[in-house]
PDB file of N, CA and C in Angstrom:
ATOM      1  N   MET A   1     101.438  18.742 -91.039  1.00  0.00           N
ATOM      2  CA  MET A   1     101.816  17.504 -90.368  1.00  0.00           C
ATOM      3  C   MET A   1     102.976  17.746 -89.407  1.00  0.00           C
ATOM      4  N   ALA A   2     103.930  18.525 -89.830  1.00  0.00           N
ATOM      5  CA  ALA A   2     105.096  18.813 -88.991  1.00  0.00           C
ATOM      6  C   ALA A   2     104.677  19.553 -87.726  1.00  0.00           C
ATOM      7  N   ALA A   3     103.658  20.417 -87.845  1.00  0.00           N
ATOM      8  CA  ALA A   3     103.185  21.160 -86.676  1.00  0.00           C
ATOM      9  C   ALA A   3     102.565  20.215 -85.655  1.00  0.00           C
ATOM     10  N   VAL A   4     101.821  19.227 -86.144  1.00  0.00           N
ATOM     11  CA  VAL A   4     101.198  18.249 -85.250  1.00  0.00           C
ATOM     12  C   VAL A   4     102.270  17.431 -84.556  1.00  0.00           C
ATOM     13  N   LEU A   5     103.249  16.970 -85.293  1.00  0.00           N
ATOM     14  CA  LEU A   5     104.330  16.195 -84.688  1.00  0.00           C
ATOM     15  C   LEU A   5     105.094  17.028 -83.663  1.00  0.00           C
ATOM     16  N   GLY A   6     105.273  18.293 -83.937  1.00  0.00           N
ATOM     17  CA  GLY A   6     105.940  19.177 -82.985  1.00  0.00           C
ATOM     18  C   GLY A   6     105.162  19.300 -81.691  1.00  0.00           C
ATOM     19  N   ARG A   7     103.846  19.405 -81.803  1.00  0.00           N
ATOM     20  CA  ARG A   7     103.004  19.493 -80.601  1.00  0.00           C
ATOM     21  C   ARG A   7     103.038  18.185 -79.806  1.00  0.00           C
ATOM     22  N   ILE A   8     103.036  17.076 -80.530  1.00  0.00           N
ATOM     23  CA  ILE A   8     103.108  15.770 -79.852  1.00  0.00           C
ATOM     24  C   ILE A   8     104.440  15.644 -79.109  1.00  0.00           C
ATOM     25  N   ARG A   9     105.538  16.026 -79.772  1.00  0.00           N
ATOM     26  CA  ARG A   9     106.857  15.954 -79.117  1.00  0.00           C
ATOM     27  C   ARG A   9     106.916  16.879 -77.905  1.00  0.00           C
ATOM     28  N   ALA A  10     106.341  18.055 -78.033  1.00  0.00           N
ATOM     29  CA  ALA A  10     106.369  19.029 -76.936  1.00  0.00           C
ATOM     30  C   ALA A  10     105.570  18.540 -75.730  1.00  0.00           C
ATOM     31  N   ASN A  11     104.568  17.700 -75.981  1.00  0.00           N
ATOM     32  CA  ASN A  11     103.693  17.195 -74.915  1.00  0.00           C
ATOM     33  C   ASN A  11     103.826  15.689 -74.753  1.00  0.00           C
ATOM     34  N   ARG A  12     105.029  15.194 -75.004  1.00  0.00           N
ATOM     35  CA  ARG A  12     105.271  13.749 -75.018  1.00  0.00           C
ATOM     36  C   ARG A  12     104.793  13.054 -73.741  1.00  0.00           C
ATOM     37  N   THR A  13     105.099  13.600 -72.585  1.00  0.00           N
ATOM     38  CA  THR A  13     104.718  12.973 -71.317  1.00  0.00           C
ATOM     39  C   THR A  13     103.205  12.829 -71.212  1.00  0.00           C
ATOM     40  N   GLU A  14     102.486  13.887 -71.532  1.00  0.00           N
ATOM     41  CA  GLU A  14     101.021  13.856 -71.465  1.00  0.00           C
ATOM     42  C   GLU A  14     100.441  12.875 -72.485  1.00  0.00           C
ATOM     43  N   VAL A  15     101.017  12.836 -73.684  1.00  0.00           N
ATOM     44  CA  VAL A  15     100.530  11.920 -74.730  1.00  0.00           C
ATOM     45  C   VAL A  15     100.734  10.474 -74.292  1.00  0.00           C
ATOM     46  N   VAL A  16     101.894  10.177 -73.731  1.00  0.00           N
ATOM     47  CA  VAL A  16     102.171   8.816 -73.263  1.00  0.00           C
ATOM     48  C   VAL A  16     101.176   8.424 -72.167  1.00  0.00           C
ATOM     49  N   GLU A  17     100.896   9.353 -71.245  1.00  0.00           N
ATOM     50  CA  GLU A  17      99.950   9.068 -70.164  1.00  0.00           C
ATOM     51  C   GLU A  17      98.550   8.807 -70.710  1.00  0.00           C
ATOM     52  N   VAL A  18      98.106   9.608 -71.658  1.00  0.00           N
ATOM     53  CA  VAL A  18      96.781   9.408 -72.266  1.00  0.00           C
ATOM     54  C   VAL A  18      96.717   8.049 -72.957  1.00  0.00           C
ATOM     55  N   LEU A  19      97.759   7.705 -73.694  1.00  0.00           N
ATOM     56  CA  LEU A  19      97.778   6.411 -74.386  1.00  0.00           C
ATOM     57  C   LEU A  19      97.830   5.251 -73.396  1.00  0.00           C
ATOM     58  N   ARG A  20      98.572   5.400 -72.320  1.00  0.00           N
ATOM     59  CA  ARG A  20      98.649   4.353 -71.295  1.00  0.00           C
ATOM     60  C   ARG A  20      97.282   4.138 -70.655  1.00  0.00           C
ATOM     61  N   ARG A  21      96.606   5.242 -70.298  1.00  0.00           N
ATOM     62  CA  ARG A  21      95.275   5.134 -69.690  1.00  0.00           C
ATOM     63  C   ARG A  21      94.287   4.553 -70.681  1.00  0.00           C
ATOM     64  N   ARG A  22      94.408   4.878 -71.943  1.00  0.00           N
ATOM     65  CA  ARG A  22      93.469   4.384 -72.958  1.00  0.00           C
ATOM     66  C   ARG A  22      93.531   2.869 -73.054  1.00  0.00           C
ATOM     67  N   CYS A  23      94.697   2.293 -72.810  1.00  0.00           N
ATOM     68  CA  CYS A  23      94.831   0.838 -72.843  1.00  0.00           C
ATOM     69  C   CYS A  23      94.061   0.192 -71.701  1.00  0.00           C
ATOM     70  N   GLU A  24      93.849   0.920 -70.616  1.00  0.00           N
ATOM     71  CA  GLU A  24      93.125   0.390 -69.466  1.00  0.00           C
ATOM     72  C   GLU A  24      91.612   0.450 -69.660  1.00  0.00           C
ATOM     73  N   ILE A  25      91.149   1.320 -70.522  1.00  0.00           N
ATOM     74  CA  ILE A  25      89.714   1.550 -70.698  1.00  0.00           C
ATOM     75  C   ILE A  25      89.190   0.635 -71.799  1.00  0.00           C
ATOM     76  N   PRO A  26      88.168  -0.176 -71.502  1.00  0.00           N
ATOM     77  CA  PRO A  26      87.612  -1.040 -72.546  1.00  0.00           C
ATOM     78  C   PRO A  26      86.907  -0.215 -73.620  1.00  0.00           C
ATOM     79  N   ALA A  27      86.844  -0.751 -74.808  1.00  0.00           N
ATOM     80  CA  ALA A  27      86.162  -0.075 -75.907  1.00  0.00           C
ATOM     81  C   ALA A  27      84.673   0.053 -75.593  1.00  0.00           C
ATOM     82  N   MET A  28      84.104   1.167 -75.944  1.00  0.00           N
ATOM     83  CA  MET A  28      82.676   1.398 -75.743  1.00  0.00           C
ATOM     84  C   MET A  28      81.904   0.853 -76.943  1.00  0.00           C
ATOM     85  N   SER A  29      80.709   0.405 -76.697  1.00  0.00           N
ATOM     86  CA  SER A  29      79.840  -0.079 -77.766  1.00  0.00           C
ATOM     87  C   SER A  29      79.439   1.078 -78.666  1.00  0.00           C
ATOM     88  N   ALA A  30      79.025   0.766 -79.866  1.00  0.00           N
ATOM     89  CA  ALA A  30      78.553   1.792 -80.793  1.00  0.00           C
ATOM     90  C   ALA A  30      77.401   2.552 -80.146  1.00  0.00           C
ATOM     91  N   GLY A  31      77.454   3.849 -80.222  1.00  0.00           N
ATOM     92  CA  GLY A  31      76.396   4.659 -79.639  1.00  0.00           C
ATOM     93  C   GLY A  31      76.617   5.018 -78.177  1.00  0.00           C
ATOM     94  N   VAL A  32      77.703   4.513 -77.577  1.00  0.00           N
ATOM     95  CA  VAL A  32      78.014   4.810 -76.179  1.00  0.00           C
ATOM     96  C   VAL A  32      79.249   5.700 -76.154  1.00  0.00           C
ATOM     97  N   ARG A  33      79.121   6.827 -75.480  1.00  0.00           N
ATOM     98  CA  ARG A  33      80.240   7.767 -75.373  1.00  0.00           C
ATOM     99  C   ARG A  33      80.693   7.853 -73.924  1.00  0.00           C
ATOM    100  N   LEU A  34      81.940   7.602 -73.680  1.00  0.00           N
ATOM    101  CA  LEU A  34      82.500   7.651 -72.336  1.00  0.00           C
ATOM    102  C   LEU A  34      82.626   9.098 -71.904  1.00  0.00           C
ATOM    103  N   LEU A  35      82.037   9.430 -70.768  1.00  0.00           N
ATOM    104  CA  LEU A  35      82.090  10.791 -70.249  1.00  0.00           C
ATOM    105  C   LEU A  35      83.125  10.940 -69.145  1.00  0.00           C
ATOM    106  N   ALA A  36      83.365   9.880 -68.401  1.00  0.00           N
ATOM    107  CA  ALA A  36      84.358   9.928 -67.332  1.00  0.00           C
ATOM    108  C   ALA A  36      84.856   8.514 -67.066  1.00  0.00           C
ATOM    109  N   TRP A  37      86.111   8.397 -66.682  1.00  0.00           N
ATOM    110  CA  TRP A  37      86.697   7.106 -66.314  1.00  0.00           C
ATOM    111  C   TRP A  37      87.484   7.329 -65.037  1.00  0.00           C
ATOM    112  N   GLU A  38      86.815   7.115 -63.916  1.00  0.00           N
ATOM    113  CA  GLU A  38      87.421   7.306 -62.607  1.00  0.00           C
ATOM    114  C   GLU A  38      87.026   6.150 -61.696  1.00  0.00           C
ATOM    115  N   PRO A  39      87.511   4.940 -61.982  1.00  0.00           N
ATOM    116  CA  PRO A  39      87.135   3.773 -61.177  1.00  0.00           C
ATOM    117  C   PRO A  39      87.463   3.982 -59.700  1.00  0.00           C
ATOM    118  N   LYS A  40      86.558   3.564 -58.842  1.00  0.00           N
ATOM    119  CA  LYS A  40      86.747   3.679 -57.401  1.00  0.00           C
ATOM    120  C   LYS A  40      87.584   2.515 -56.897  1.00  0.00           C
ATOM    121  N   GLN A  41      88.163   2.703 -55.742  1.00  0.00           N
ATOM    122  CA  GLN A  41      88.947   1.645 -55.112  1.00  0.00           C
ATOM    123  C   GLN A  41      87.996   0.637 -54.461  1.00  0.00           C
ATOM    124  N   PRO A  42      88.235  -0.658 -54.647  1.00  0.00           N
ATOM    125  CA  PRO A  42      87.378  -1.654 -54.019  1.00  0.00           C
ATOM    126  C   PRO A  42      87.598  -1.715 -52.523  1.00  0.00           C
ATOM    127  N   PRO A  43      86.669  -2.189 -51.782  1.00  0.00           N
ATOM    128  CA  PRO A  43      85.363  -2.710 -52.211  1.00  0.00           C
ATOM    129  C   PRO A  43      84.368  -1.580 -52.438  1.00  0.00           C
ATOM    130  N   VAL A  44      83.493  -1.799 -53.389  1.00  0.00           N
ATOM    131  CA  VAL A  44      82.449  -0.831 -53.713  1.00  0.00           C
ATOM    132  C   VAL A  44      81.108  -1.523 -53.499  1.00  0.00           C
ATOM    133  N   ALA A  45      80.275  -0.962 -52.647  1.00  0.00           N
ATOM    134  CA  ALA A  45      78.948  -1.527 -52.397  1.00  0.00           C
ATOM    135  C   ALA A  45      77.972  -0.943 -53.412  1.00  0.00           C
ATOM    136  N   ILE A  46      77.288  -1.797 -54.118  1.00  0.00           N
ATOM    137  CA  ILE A  46      76.285  -1.369 -55.077  1.00  0.00           C
ATOM    138  C   ILE A  46      74.931  -1.770 -54.517  1.00  0.00           C
ATOM    139  N   VAL A  47      74.079  -0.800 -54.357  1.00  0.00           N
ATOM    140  CA  VAL A  47      72.785  -1.026 -53.735  1.00  0.00           C
ATOM    141  C   VAL A  47      71.680  -0.688 -54.724  1.00  0.00           C
ATOM    142  N   THR A  48      70.748  -1.604 -54.857  1.00  0.00           N
ATOM    143  CA  THR A  48      69.560  -1.357 -55.658  1.00  0.00           C
ATOM    144  C   THR A  48      68.372  -1.448 -54.726  1.00  0.00           C
ATOM    145  N   TRP A  49      67.493  -0.488 -54.789  1.00  0.00           N
ATOM    146  CA  TRP A  49      66.336  -0.524 -53.917  1.00  0.00           C
ATOM    147  C   TRP A  49      65.108  -0.036 -54.658  1.00  0.00           C
ATOM    148  N   ALA A  50      63.987  -0.449 -54.168  1.00  0.00           N
ATOM    149  CA  ALA A  50      62.711  -0.030 -54.734  1.00  0.00           C
ATOM    150  C   ALA A  50      61.683  -0.066 -53.610  1.00  0.00           C
ATOM    151  N   VAL A  51      60.648   0.698 -53.764  1.00  0.00           N
ATOM    152  CA  VAL A  51      59.555   0.717 -52.799  1.00  0.00           C
ATOM    153  C   VAL A  51      58.342   0.112 -53.484  1.00  0.00           C
ATOM    154  N   VAL A  52      57.746  -0.881 -52.850  1.00  0.00           N
ATOM    155  CA  VAL A  52      56.573  -1.552 -53.408  1.00  0.00           C
ATOM    156  C   VAL A  52      55.345  -1.055 -52.659  1.00  0.00           C
ATOM    157  N   ASN A  53      54.411  -0.464 -53.387  1.00  0.00           N
ATOM    158  CA  ASN A  53      53.174   0.036 -52.777  1.00  0.00           C
ATOM    159  C   ASN A  53      52.020  -0.945 -52.924  1.00  0.00           C
ATOM    160  N   ASP A  54      52.023  -1.703 -54.009  1.00  0.00           N
ATOM    161  CA  ASP A  54      50.959  -2.680 -54.254  1.00  0.00           C
ATOM    162  C   ASP A  54      51.592  -4.067 -54.260  1.00  0.00           C
ATOM    163  N   VAL A  55      51.711  -4.659 -53.081  1.00  0.00           N
ATOM    164  CA  VAL A  55      52.417  -5.937 -52.937  1.00  0.00           C
ATOM    165  C   VAL A  55      51.765  -7.052 -53.755  1.00  0.00           C
ATOM    166  N   PRO A  56      50.424  -7.234 -53.714  1.00  0.00           N
ATOM    167  CA  PRO A  56      49.839  -8.309 -54.519  1.00  0.00           C
ATOM    168  C   PRO A  56      50.129  -8.149 -56.020  1.00  0.00           C
ATOM    169  N   GLN A  57      50.067  -6.949 -56.531  1.00  0.00           N
ATOM    170  CA  GLN A  57      50.360  -6.714 -57.952  1.00  0.00           C
ATOM    171  C   GLN A  57      51.840  -6.994 -58.243  1.00  0.00           C
ATOM    172  N   PHE A  58      52.701  -6.581 -57.341  1.00  0.00           N
ATOM    173  CA  PHE A  58      54.138  -6.830 -57.496  1.00  0.00           C
ATOM    174  C   PHE A  58      54.408  -8.331 -57.548  1.00  0.00           C
ATOM    175  N   ILE A  59      53.754  -9.077 -56.655  1.00  0.00           N
ATOM    176  CA  ILE A  59      53.938 -10.536 -56.623  1.00  0.00           C
ATOM    177  C   ILE A  59      53.476 -11.159 -57.934  1.00  0.00           C
ATOM    178  N   ARG A  60      52.292 -10.762 -58.403  1.00  0.00           N
ATOM    179  CA  ARG A  60      51.785 -11.313 -59.676  1.00  0.00           C
ATOM    180  C   ARG A  60      52.735 -11.004 -60.830  1.00  0.00           C
ATOM    181  N   ALA A  61      53.187  -9.757 -60.902  1.00  0.00           N
ATOM    182  CA  ALA A  61      54.089  -9.357 -61.992  1.00  0.00           C
ATOM    183  C   ALA A  61      55.413 -10.110 -61.910  1.00  0.00           C
ATOM    184  N   THR A  62      55.930 -10.269 -60.705  1.00  0.00           N
ATOM    185  CA  THR A  62      57.208 -10.951 -60.540  1.00  0.00           C
ATOM    186  C   THR A  62      57.085 -12.432 -60.862  1.00  0.00           C
ATOM    187  N   LEU A  63      55.963 -13.049 -60.487  1.00  0.00           N
ATOM    188  CA  LEU A  63      55.748 -14.461 -60.855  1.00  0.00           C
ATOM    189  C   LEU A  63      55.640 -14.618 -62.371  1.00  0.00           C
ATOM    190  N   THR A  64      55.030 -13.668 -63.030  1.00  0.00           N
ATOM    191  CA  THR A  64      54.948 -13.693 -64.497  1.00  0.00           C
ATOM    192  C   THR A  64      56.346 -13.564 -65.095  1.00  0.00           C
ATOM    193  N   GLN A  65      57.160 -12.670 -64.530  1.00  0.00           N
ATOM    194  CA  GLN A  65      58.533 -12.514 -65.006  1.00  0.00           C
ATOM    195  C   GLN A  65      59.349 -13.776 -64.741  1.00  0.00           C
ATOM    196  N   LEU A  66      59.115 -14.406 -63.597  1.00  0.00           N
ATOM    197  CA  LEU A  66      59.822 -15.639 -63.270  1.00  0.00           C
ATOM    198  C   LEU A  66      59.488 -16.725 -64.289  1.00  0.00           C
ATOM    199  N   GLU A  67      58.230 -16.843 -64.638  1.00  0.00           N
ATOM    200  CA  GLU A  67      57.824 -17.827 -65.651  1.00  0.00           C
ATOM    201  C   GLU A  67      58.528 -17.545 -66.977  1.00  0.00           C
ATOM    202  N   ALA A  68      58.594 -16.285 -67.357  1.00  0.00           N
ATOM    203  CA  ALA A  68      59.269 -15.926 -68.610  1.00  0.00           C
ATOM    204  C   ALA A  68      60.756 -16.261 -68.540  1.00  0.00           C
ATOM    205  N   ALA A  69      61.382 -15.969 -67.421  1.00  0.00           N
ATOM    206  CA  ALA A  69      62.808 -16.266 -67.266  1.00  0.00           C
ATOM    207  C   ALA A  69      63.067 -17.765 -67.360  1.00  0.00           C
ATOM    208  N   LEU A  70      62.183 -18.546 -66.772  1.00  0.00           N
ATOM    209  CA  LEU A  70      62.332 -20.005 -66.830  1.00  0.00           C
ATOM    210  C   LEU A  70      62.159 -20.540 -68.249  1.00  0.00           C
ATOM    211  N   ARG A  71      61.412 -19.825 -69.084  1.00  0.00           N
ATOM    212  CA  ARG A  71      61.225 -20.233 -70.477  1.00  0.00           C
ATOM    213  C   ARG A  71      62.298 -19.653 -71.392  1.00  0.00           C
ATOM    214  N   GLY A  72      63.255 -18.922 -70.790  1.00  0.00           N
ATOM    215  CA  GLY A  72      64.335 -18.347 -71.585  1.00  0.00           C
ATOM    216  C   GLY A  72      63.977 -17.044 -72.276  1.00  0.00           C
ATOM    217  N   LYS A  73      62.861 -16.460 -71.905  1.00  0.00           N
ATOM    218  CA  LYS A  73      62.428 -15.198 -72.524  1.00  0.00           C
ATOM    219  C   LYS A  73      62.786 -14.042 -71.577  1.00  0.00           C
ATOM    220  N   ASN A  74      64.080 -13.797 -71.476  1.00  0.00           N
ATOM    221  CA  ASN A  74      64.582 -12.816 -70.511  1.00  0.00           C
ATOM    222  C   ASN A  74      64.042 -11.412 -70.736  1.00  0.00           C
ATOM    223  N   TRP A  75      63.762 -11.040 -71.958  1.00  0.00           N
ATOM    224  CA  TRP A  75      63.218  -9.702 -72.220  1.00  0.00           C
ATOM    225  C   TRP A  75      61.849  -9.522 -71.561  1.00  0.00           C
ATOM    226  N   LEU A  76      61.115 -10.605 -71.382  1.00  0.00           N
ATOM    227  CA  LEU A  76      59.825 -10.530 -70.697  1.00  0.00           C
ATOM    228  C   LEU A  76      60.001 -10.586 -69.173  1.00  0.00           C
ATOM    229  N   ALA A  77      61.206 -10.891 -68.742  1.00  0.00           N
ATOM    230  CA  ALA A  77      61.510 -10.954 -67.309  1.00  0.00           C
ATOM    231  C   ALA A  77      62.285  -9.710 -66.881  1.00  0.00           C
ATOM    232  N   ALA A  78      62.163  -8.644 -67.645  1.00  0.00           N
ATOM    233  CA  ALA A  78      62.883  -7.392 -67.364  1.00  0.00           C
ATOM    234  C   ALA A  78      64.395  -7.644 -67.311  1.00  0.00           C
ATOM    235  N   ASN A  79      64.854  -8.652 -68.058  1.00  0.00           N
ATOM    236  CA  ASN A  79      66.266  -9.036 -68.097  1.00  0.00           C
ATOM    237  C   ASN A  79      66.829  -9.361 -66.713  1.00  0.00           C
ATOM    238  N   ARG A  80      65.976  -9.891 -65.871  1.00  0.00           N
ATOM    239  CA  ARG A  80      66.413 -10.330 -64.543  1.00  0.00           C
ATOM    240  C   ARG A  80      66.609 -11.842 -64.579  1.00  0.00           C
ATOM    241  N   SER A  81      67.564 -12.310 -63.786  1.00  0.00           N
ATOM    242  CA  SER A  81      67.813 -13.742 -63.710  1.00  0.00           C
ATOM    243  C   SER A  81      66.759 -14.385 -62.814  1.00  0.00           C
ATOM    244  N   VAL A  82      66.673 -15.708 -62.888  1.00  0.00           N
ATOM    245  CA  VAL A  82      65.759 -16.450 -62.018  1.00  0.00           C
ATOM    246  C   VAL A  82      66.101 -16.147 -60.564  1.00  0.00           C
ATOM    247  N   ARG A  83      67.363 -16.148 -60.249  1.00  0.00           N
ATOM    248  CA  ARG A  83      67.790 -15.872 -58.875  1.00  0.00           C
ATOM    249  C   ARG A  83      67.330 -14.490 -58.415  1.00  0.00           C
ATOM    250  N   GLU A  84      67.501 -13.484 -59.255  1.00  0.00           N
ATOM    251  CA  GLU A  84      67.061 -12.133 -58.885  1.00  0.00           C
ATOM    252  C   GLU A  84      65.563 -12.089 -58.624  1.00  0.00           C
ATOM    253  N   LEU A  85      64.794 -12.761 -59.462  1.00  0.00           N
ATOM    254  CA  LEU A  85      63.335 -12.750 -59.312  1.00  0.00           C
ATOM    255  C   LEU A  85      62.915 -13.473 -58.031  1.00  0.00           C
ATOM    256  N   VAL A  86      63.570 -14.595 -57.729  1.00  0.00           N
ATOM    257  CA  VAL A  86      63.267 -15.313 -56.491  1.00  0.00           C
ATOM    258  C   VAL A  86      63.592 -14.429 -55.288  1.00  0.00           C
ATOM    259  N   GLU A  87      64.703 -13.728 -55.338  1.00  0.00           N
ATOM    260  CA  GLU A  87      65.075 -12.835 -54.236  1.00  0.00           C
ATOM    261  C   GLU A  87      64.087 -11.680 -54.089  1.00  0.00           C
ATOM    262  N   ARG A  88      63.600 -11.148 -55.204  1.00  0.00           N
ATOM    263  CA  ARG A  88      62.609 -10.062 -55.138  1.00  0.00           C
ATOM    264  C   ARG A  88      61.328 -10.557 -54.470  1.00  0.00           C
ATOM    265  N   LEU A  89      60.935 -11.785 -54.787  1.00  0.00           N
ATOM    266  CA  LEU A  89      59.744 -12.342 -54.157  1.00  0.00           C
ATOM    267  C   LEU A  89      59.953 -12.516 -52.654  1.00  0.00           C
ATOM    268  N   GLU A  90      61.129 -13.000 -52.278  1.00  0.00           N
ATOM    269  CA  GLU A  90      61.414 -13.197 -50.854  1.00  0.00           C
ATOM    270  C   GLU A  90      61.345 -11.880 -50.090  1.00  0.00           C
ATOM    271  N   GLN A  91      61.737 -10.795 -50.729  1.00  0.00           N
ATOM    272  CA  GLN A  91      61.739  -9.499 -50.065  1.00  0.00           C
ATOM    273  C   GLN A  91      60.330  -9.005 -49.736  1.00  0.00           C
ATOM    274  N   VAL A  92      59.322  -9.550 -50.439  1.00  0.00           N
ATOM    275  CA  VAL A  92      57.942  -9.154 -50.130  1.00  0.00           C
ATOM    276  C   VAL A  92      57.187 -10.278 -49.431  1.00  0.00           C
ATOM    277  N   GLY A  93      57.923 -11.316 -48.963  1.00  0.00           N
ATOM    278  CA  GLY A  93      57.294 -12.350 -48.149  1.00  0.00           C
ATOM    279  C   GLY A  93      56.848 -13.593 -48.884  1.00  0.00           C
ATOM    280  N   VAL A  94      57.313 -13.804 -50.101  1.00  0.00           N
ATOM    281  CA  VAL A  94      56.932 -14.998 -50.864  1.00  0.00           C
ATOM    282  C   VAL A  94      58.192 -15.814 -51.119  1.00  0.00           C
ATOM    283  N   LYS A  95      58.234 -17.044 -50.622  1.00  0.00           N
ATOM    284  CA  LYS A  95      59.364 -17.917 -50.845  1.00  0.00           C
ATOM    285  C   LYS A  95      58.971 -19.000 -51.838  1.00  0.00           C
ATOM    286  N   VAL A  96      59.777 -19.166 -52.853  1.00  0.00           N
ATOM    287  CA  VAL A  96      59.543 -20.213 -53.856  1.00  0.00           C
ATOM    288  C   VAL A  96      60.831 -20.993 -54.050  1.00  0.00           C
ATOM    289  N   ASN A  97      60.679 -22.209 -54.508  1.00  0.00           N
ATOM    290  CA  ASN A  97      61.820 -23.044 -54.853  1.00  0.00           C
ATOM    291  C   ASN A  97      61.686 -23.394 -56.325  1.00  0.00           C
ATOM    292  N   VAL A  98      62.722 -23.118 -57.062  1.00  0.00           N
ATOM    293  CA  VAL A  98      62.720 -23.432 -58.482  1.00  0.00           C
ATOM    294  C   VAL A  98      63.521 -24.714 -58.651  1.00  0.00           C
ATOM    295  N   GLU A  99      62.903 -25.722 -59.232  1.00  0.00           N
ATOM    296  CA  GLU A  99      63.574 -27.011 -59.412  1.00  0.00           C
ATOM    297  C   GLU A  99      64.831 -26.821 -60.225  1.00  0.00           C
ATOM    298  N   GLY A 100      65.892 -27.499 -59.790  1.00  0.00           N
ATOM    299  CA  GLY A 100      67.157 -27.416 -60.493  1.00  0.00           C
ATOM    300  C   GLY A 100      68.047 -26.292 -59.979  1.00  0.00           C
ATOM    301  N   THR A 101      67.543 -25.531 -59.004  1.00  0.00           N
ATOM    302  CA  THR A 101      68.381 -24.474 -58.387  1.00  0.00           C
ATOM    303  C   THR A 101      68.396 -24.690 -56.891  1.00  0.00           C
ATOM    304  N   ARG A 102      69.305 -24.048 -56.242  1.00  0.00           N
ATOM    305  CA  ARG A 102      69.393 -24.171 -54.777  1.00  0.00           C
ATOM    306  C   ARG A 102      68.581 -23.126 -54.090  1.00  0.00           C
TER     307      ARG A 102
END
């Protein structure tokens, strides 16, 4: 025990820095291991893209997901919100209005 305390005292500055940074990092969920913590300076643009080869099939699938999202069955909607699904449809040329939303 004394050897450990000696090492901590010898590296006090580094230990304090590690503990200070640890307070900034949120706890990870069970089964999740943090590999790096290097947050970027804002603004950060996050882009999601996909290529649709079968537009009619994509539209049918997205409308099915939209119906599931409206019924509260988000797992059947690929965990996408109603807004996300409406935007995906618009990107392939289908505009819909969902009652109760803008």
